Each structure stands twice: as C-alpha cells, then as structure tokens.
Amino acid sequence: MHALAELKTKVFADGADLAGMLAMADNPSIKGFTTNPTLMRKANVSDYQAFALEVLRVITDRPVSFEVFSDEFDEMERQARKIAQWGSNVYVKIPITNTRGEFAGPLIKRLSKDGVKLNITALMTPGQVAQVADCLAPETSSFISVFAGRVADTGRDPIPLMKECVDLLHPVPSFELIWASPREVLNILQADAIGCHIITVTNDLLAKLPTVGKDLLRYSLETVEMFRQDAVKAGYSI
C-alpha cells in the first residue's frame, strides 16, 4: 500500500547506534538523520565529537542533527557554533527552553541570523511553534520538532495539533516541521496525510514498514504460528 519512496513526508532515521546509522545511509529513502543525548547515552557513546565526526565522515549528502547539552545559553551558543562547523549538512538541535523553563528565543535568533541551521526541539504546542518561527531567519533553513508521540502519551490526539503547526509554517518554505517521537507505523502515514514535512523514525519502527497494507487474516495466522513455535521452543508442558 505504501513504501518509503511513495511518501511526500521525508523520513529521517532517529538513533545514535553508529552501525545502524551507517547502514541506513545506504538507503536512499532515508532523507536525514537525528540524534540526541539520551539516544547517544543509550548507545554507549562516550566521546560526543568523535562519534559525530565519524557519522559525518560517511553521511555527507543528507541533514544530520546533533544537540547541544548545556543548560546555560552562553555555553549552548558556544557548543552550537562549534557543532555547526563540523559539516555543511549539520543542523544544531537547540531545546525550546532550558531546564528552568527560560525560552531560548534570543539564542535561536542570534544563531539563525548568522546562518546556523537549527533544529529546535522538544516542542509540544502550536503556540511554541509560532514563538520559535518568529525567532528564525527566513533565509536560513530550519527544522522545528514537535513531539507528537509524547502529546499522544497524554491522551490527546496529536493530528489536529500537528495540522495546525503545518499551517503555521506554511508561509515560510525554509521552515520544516518534524513529527518527532512517533509510537507506531500508523504515525508515518498520518504525518504524510496532513502534509508534515518530516518524521523521525527509529530503526525498530522502520523494520515494521513491510507490514503496511498486510492482509489481516494472513497476519492473524502468522501470530498464531509465532505463539505455537515459541511454546514448542520453550518446551512448555502442563
């Protein structure tokens, strides 16, 4: 029914496993890559810069996002400018606020005005999207990441919210909305249906894409077969 190549929404691989990222680099349907400190820690990355430079040695033709990790705006700026120098395809991830809830707007404005490509991250509301868009320079390419998956975790339907964000960014083609933290393959199709520019997808979700459009009766039988095979392998008896 669907394949990555048929989507209007660009699929970015989300993760920090070096081998996985480099394998995804061979897939032309993957249009970009994103990381964050949590994913890097989970992947046991110990040297931030060495990891990033190894990724960029191989991935040179698609956007790659690396995040600052300071909680102070002056140090965020120093880190951002250094990260931006690692490659022309680098986008620097800046959180919408620091941990004290202080808006990163002035920093976003300075960096964007100076031509630093940004990925503003951890947004949850259309109001935040509008706030960030007001700070970004239209002449500089920028991503705005709304964590639709986390919105859904609160019991809210993220689709109307994400559609509103798409409409907010429509007047400026250089600003692209990212549907971040998807929870299921269906989210990829939902993002495509509302015209969201990008969705970040982890390797485990990408592996499920062949199930899109699968015959449900066939899928039902395969599930029964799986339960039976695992019971036999485990040697269960009653």
Protein backbone atom coordinates (compact mmCIF):
# COMPACT_ATOMS: atom_id res chain seq x y z
CA MET A 1 0.00 0.00 0.00
CA HIS A 2 2.78 2.40 0.92
CA ALA A 3 6.53 2.45 0.59
CA LEU A 4 9.05 4.99 1.81
CA ALA A 5 9.65 6.14 -1.74
CA GLU A 6 5.93 6.95 -2.16
CA LEU A 7 5.72 9.24 0.86
CA LYS A 8 5.66 13.01 0.50
CA THR A 9 6.80 13.30 4.11
CA LYS A 10 10.55 12.84 4.43
CA VAL A 11 11.67 10.03 6.74
CA PHE A 12 14.64 10.78 8.98
CA ALA A 13 16.29 7.91 10.86
CA ASP A 14 16.37 8.64 14.58
CA GLY A 15 19.07 7.00 16.68
CA ALA A 16 22.67 7.00 17.80
CA ASP A 17 23.81 3.47 17.09
CA LEU A 18 26.72 4.09 14.73
CA ALA A 19 26.40 0.81 12.84
CA GLY A 20 22.67 1.32 12.43
CA MET A 21 23.09 4.88 11.20
CA LEU A 22 25.74 3.88 8.67
CA ALA A 23 23.55 1.03 7.42
CA MET A 24 20.64 3.46 6.98
CA ALA A 25 22.95 5.72 4.99
CA ASP A 26 22.80 3.12 2.21
CA ASN A 27 19.03 3.56 1.95
CA PRO A 28 18.19 6.47 -0.40
CA SER A 29 14.66 6.61 1.05
CA ILE A 30 16.11 7.86 4.35
CA LYS A 31 16.34 11.61 3.80
CA GLY A 32 18.13 12.64 7.02
CA PHE A 33 19.29 11.65 10.48
CA THR A 34 18.66 12.89 14.02
CA THR A 35 20.28 12.13 17.35
CA ASN A 36 20.00 13.42 20.91
CA PRO A 37 21.98 12.99 24.15
CA THR A 38 19.52 10.40 25.50
CA LEU A 39 19.87 8.21 22.42
CA MET A 40 23.65 8.66 22.48
CA ARG A 41 23.87 7.63 26.12
CA LYS A 42 21.65 4.60 25.41
CA ALA A 43 24.05 3.63 22.60
CA ASN A 44 27.02 3.98 24.99
CA VAL A 45 28.56 6.89 23.09
CA SER A 46 31.35 8.21 25.31
CA ASP A 47 33.10 10.71 23.01
CA TYR A 48 30.46 13.06 21.58
CA GLN A 49 32.66 14.77 19.00
CA ALA A 50 34.41 11.62 17.80
CA PHE A 51 31.05 9.93 17.30
CA ALA A 52 29.65 12.90 15.37
CA LEU A 53 32.67 13.22 13.12
CA GLU A 54 32.58 9.50 12.30
CA VAL A 55 28.92 9.81 11.33
CA LEU A 56 29.67 12.85 9.18
CA ARG A 57 32.60 11.13 7.51
CA VAL A 58 30.09 8.75 5.91
CA ILE A 59 26.88 10.79 5.76
CA THR A 60 27.71 13.87 3.73
CA ASP A 61 24.67 14.30 1.49
CA ARG A 62 21.76 14.48 3.96
CA PRO A 63 20.94 16.54 7.06
CA VAL A 64 22.25 15.25 10.39
CA SER A 65 21.13 16.84 13.68
CA PHE A 66 23.33 16.97 16.79
CA GLU A 67 22.13 18.56 20.03
CA VAL A 68 23.76 20.95 22.46
CA PHE A 69 23.75 19.73 26.05
CA SER A 70 24.49 22.73 28.25
CA ASP A 71 21.75 24.29 30.39
CA GLU A 72 23.22 27.79 30.10
CA PHE A 73 22.55 29.82 26.98
CA ASP A 74 26.07 31.22 26.65
CA GLU A 75 27.55 27.73 26.70
CA MET A 76 24.77 26.45 24.42
CA GLU A 77 25.82 29.10 21.91
CA ARG A 78 29.49 28.11 22.10
CA GLN A 79 28.58 24.46 21.60
CA ALA A 80 26.16 25.27 18.77
CA ARG A 81 28.70 27.27 16.80
CA LYS A 82 31.29 24.52 17.21
CA ILE A 83 28.87 21.77 16.18
CA ALA A 84 27.81 23.79 13.12
CA GLN A 85 31.43 23.81 11.93
CA TRP A 86 31.54 20.01 11.72
CA GLY A 87 29.80 19.92 8.33
CA SER A 88 27.63 21.82 5.89
CA ASN A 89 24.87 19.23 6.37
CA VAL A 90 24.77 19.69 10.16
CA TYR A 91 21.70 21.03 11.93
CA VAL A 92 22.20 22.05 15.54
CA LYS A 93 19.46 20.99 17.94
CA ILE A 94 18.51 23.66 20.45
CA PRO A 95 15.86 22.88 23.11
CA ILE A 96 12.88 25.23 23.24
CA THR A 97 13.83 26.15 26.84
CA ASN A 98 16.50 25.31 29.37
CA THR A 99 15.61 23.24 32.45
CA ARG A 100 14.46 26.41 34.24
CA GLY A 101 11.80 26.93 31.58
CA GLU A 102 13.54 30.01 30.11
CA PHE A 103 12.77 30.45 26.42
CA ALA A 104 15.77 30.02 24.10
CA GLY A 105 14.42 32.65 21.70
CA PRO A 106 17.28 35.19 21.85
CA LEU A 107 19.83 32.42 21.24
CA ILE A 108 17.76 30.98 18.39
CA LYS A 109 17.52 34.44 16.84
CA ARG A 110 21.29 35.06 17.00
CA LEU A 111 22.26 31.71 15.58
CA SER A 112 19.67 31.68 12.81
CA LYS A 113 20.53 35.24 11.80
CA ASP A 114 24.17 34.14 11.47
CA GLY A 115 23.20 31.30 9.13
CA VAL A 116 23.44 28.40 11.60
CA LYS A 117 20.98 25.72 10.54
CA LEU A 118 18.90 24.79 13.57
CA ASN A 119 16.60 22.02 14.72
CA ILE A 120 14.54 23.44 17.57
CA THR A 121 13.49 20.51 19.71
CA ALA A 122 11.13 19.36 22.48
CA LEU A 123 8.14 21.48 21.40
CA MET A 124 4.63 20.34 22.27
CA THR A 125 2.21 23.13 21.26
CA PRO A 126 1.34 25.29 18.24
CA GLY A 127 2.00 28.32 20.46
CA GLN A 128 5.60 27.23 20.88
CA VAL A 129 5.90 26.70 17.12
CA ALA A 130 4.67 30.23 16.44
CA GLN A 131 7.05 31.58 19.09
CA VAL A 132 10.04 29.81 17.53
CA ALA A 133 9.10 30.75 13.96
CA ASP A 134 9.16 34.41 14.99
CA CYS A 135 12.80 33.98 16.04
CA LEU A 136 14.08 32.15 12.97
CA ALA A 137 15.58 33.91 9.96
CA PRO A 138 13.57 33.03 6.83
CA GLU A 139 16.76 32.88 4.76
CA THR A 140 18.19 30.09 6.95
CA SER A 141 16.95 26.50 6.67
CA SER A 142 15.45 25.33 9.96
CA PHE A 143 13.63 22.35 11.47
CA ILE A 144 11.04 22.60 14.24
CA SER A 145 10.47 19.33 16.12
CA VAL A 146 7.09 18.80 17.77
CA PHE A 147 6.98 15.66 19.91
CA ALA A 148 3.68 14.33 18.64
CA GLY A 149 4.28 10.95 20.25
CA ARG A 150 4.59 12.50 23.68
CA VAL A 151 1.48 14.57 23.01
CA ALA A 152 -0.35 11.31 22.29
CA ASP A 153 1.04 9.83 25.52
CA THR A 154 -1.01 12.46 27.40
CA GLY A 155 -4.25 11.16 25.87
CA ARG A 156 -4.52 13.97 23.32
CA ASP A 157 -4.99 13.39 19.60
CA PRO A 158 -1.85 14.91 18.03
CA ILE A 159 -3.24 15.13 14.50
CA PRO A 160 -5.23 18.41 14.80
CA LEU A 161 -2.33 19.96 16.72
CA MET A 162 0.21 18.88 14.10
CA LYS A 163 -2.01 20.10 11.25
CA GLU A 164 -2.19 23.50 12.93
CA CYS A 165 1.61 23.53 13.14
CA VAL A 166 1.90 22.65 9.43
CA ASP A 167 -0.37 25.59 8.60
CA LEU A 168 1.61 27.94 10.84
CA LEU A 169 4.86 27.17 9.00
CA HIS A 170 3.37 27.11 5.51
CA PRO A 171 4.23 30.76 4.66
CA VAL A 172 7.99 30.14 5.06
CA PRO A 173 9.30 27.29 2.87
CA SER A 174 12.66 27.23 4.65
CA PHE A 175 10.98 26.17 7.91
CA GLU A 176 10.12 22.46 8.08
CA LEU A 177 8.02 20.73 10.72
CA ILE A 178 9.24 17.44 12.21
CA TRP A 179 6.77 14.92 13.66
CA ALA A 180 9.02 13.66 16.45
CA SER A 181 8.79 10.58 18.70
CA PRO A 182 6.28 8.53 16.68
CA ARG A 183 4.95 5.50 18.52
CA GLU A 184 3.72 3.31 15.64
CA VAL A 185 3.94 2.86 11.87
CA LEU A 186 0.49 4.46 11.52
CA ASN A 187 2.04 7.77 12.61
CA ILE A 188 4.15 7.81 9.42
CA LEU A 189 1.02 7.62 7.30
CA GLN A 190 -0.74 10.19 9.48
CA ALA A 191 2.14 12.62 9.12
CA ASP A 192 2.07 12.16 5.36
CA ALA A 193 -1.70 12.68 5.21
CA ILE A 194 -1.53 16.09 6.92
CA GLY A 195 1.46 17.32 4.89
CA CYS A 196 4.02 17.25 7.71
CA HIS A 197 7.41 17.85 6.15
CA ILE A 198 9.46 15.28 8.11
CA ILE A 199 9.01 12.41 10.55
CA THR A 200 11.80 10.94 12.66
CA VAL A 201 11.64 7.16 12.84
CA THR A 202 13.66 4.72 14.93
CA ASN A 203 15.07 1.53 13.42
CA ASP A 204 12.51 -0.66 15.19
CA LEU A 205 9.64 1.23 13.52
CA LEU A 206 11.39 1.25 10.15
CA ALA A 207 11.66 -2.54 10.40
CA LYS A 208 7.85 -2.73 10.65
CA LEU A 209 7.18 -0.87 7.39
CA PRO A 210 6.80 -4.10 5.36
CA THR A 211 3.64 -4.81 7.38
CA VAL A 212 1.85 -1.77 5.95
CA GLY A 213 -1.14 -3.00 3.94
CA LYS A 214 -0.60 -6.60 5.02
CA ASP A 215 -3.59 -8.94 4.76
CA LEU A 216 -5.04 -9.10 8.28
CA LEU A 217 -6.12 -12.74 8.10
CA ARG A 218 -2.62 -13.72 6.99
CA TYR A 219 -1.22 -11.61 9.84
CA SER A 220 -3.59 -13.32 12.28
CA LEU A 221 -2.36 -16.76 11.20
CA GLU A 222 1.28 -15.71 11.46
CA THR A 223 0.63 -14.53 15.01
CA VAL A 224 -0.89 -17.89 15.96
CA GLU A 225 2.11 -19.63 14.36
CA MET A 226 4.51 -17.47 16.36
CA PHE A 227 2.82 -18.34 19.67
CA ARG A 228 2.89 -22.05 18.80
CA GLN A 229 6.55 -22.02 17.72
CA ASP A 230 7.67 -20.19 20.85
CA ALA A 231 5.76 -22.60 23.08
CA VAL A 232 7.41 -25.56 21.35
CA LYS A 233 10.89 -23.97 21.56
CA ALA A 234 10.39 -23.32 25.27
CA GLY A 235 9.34 -26.92 25.85
CA TYR A 236 6.29 -25.98 27.88
CA SER A 237 4.03 -28.65 29.34
CA ILE A 238 1.11 -28.67 31.77
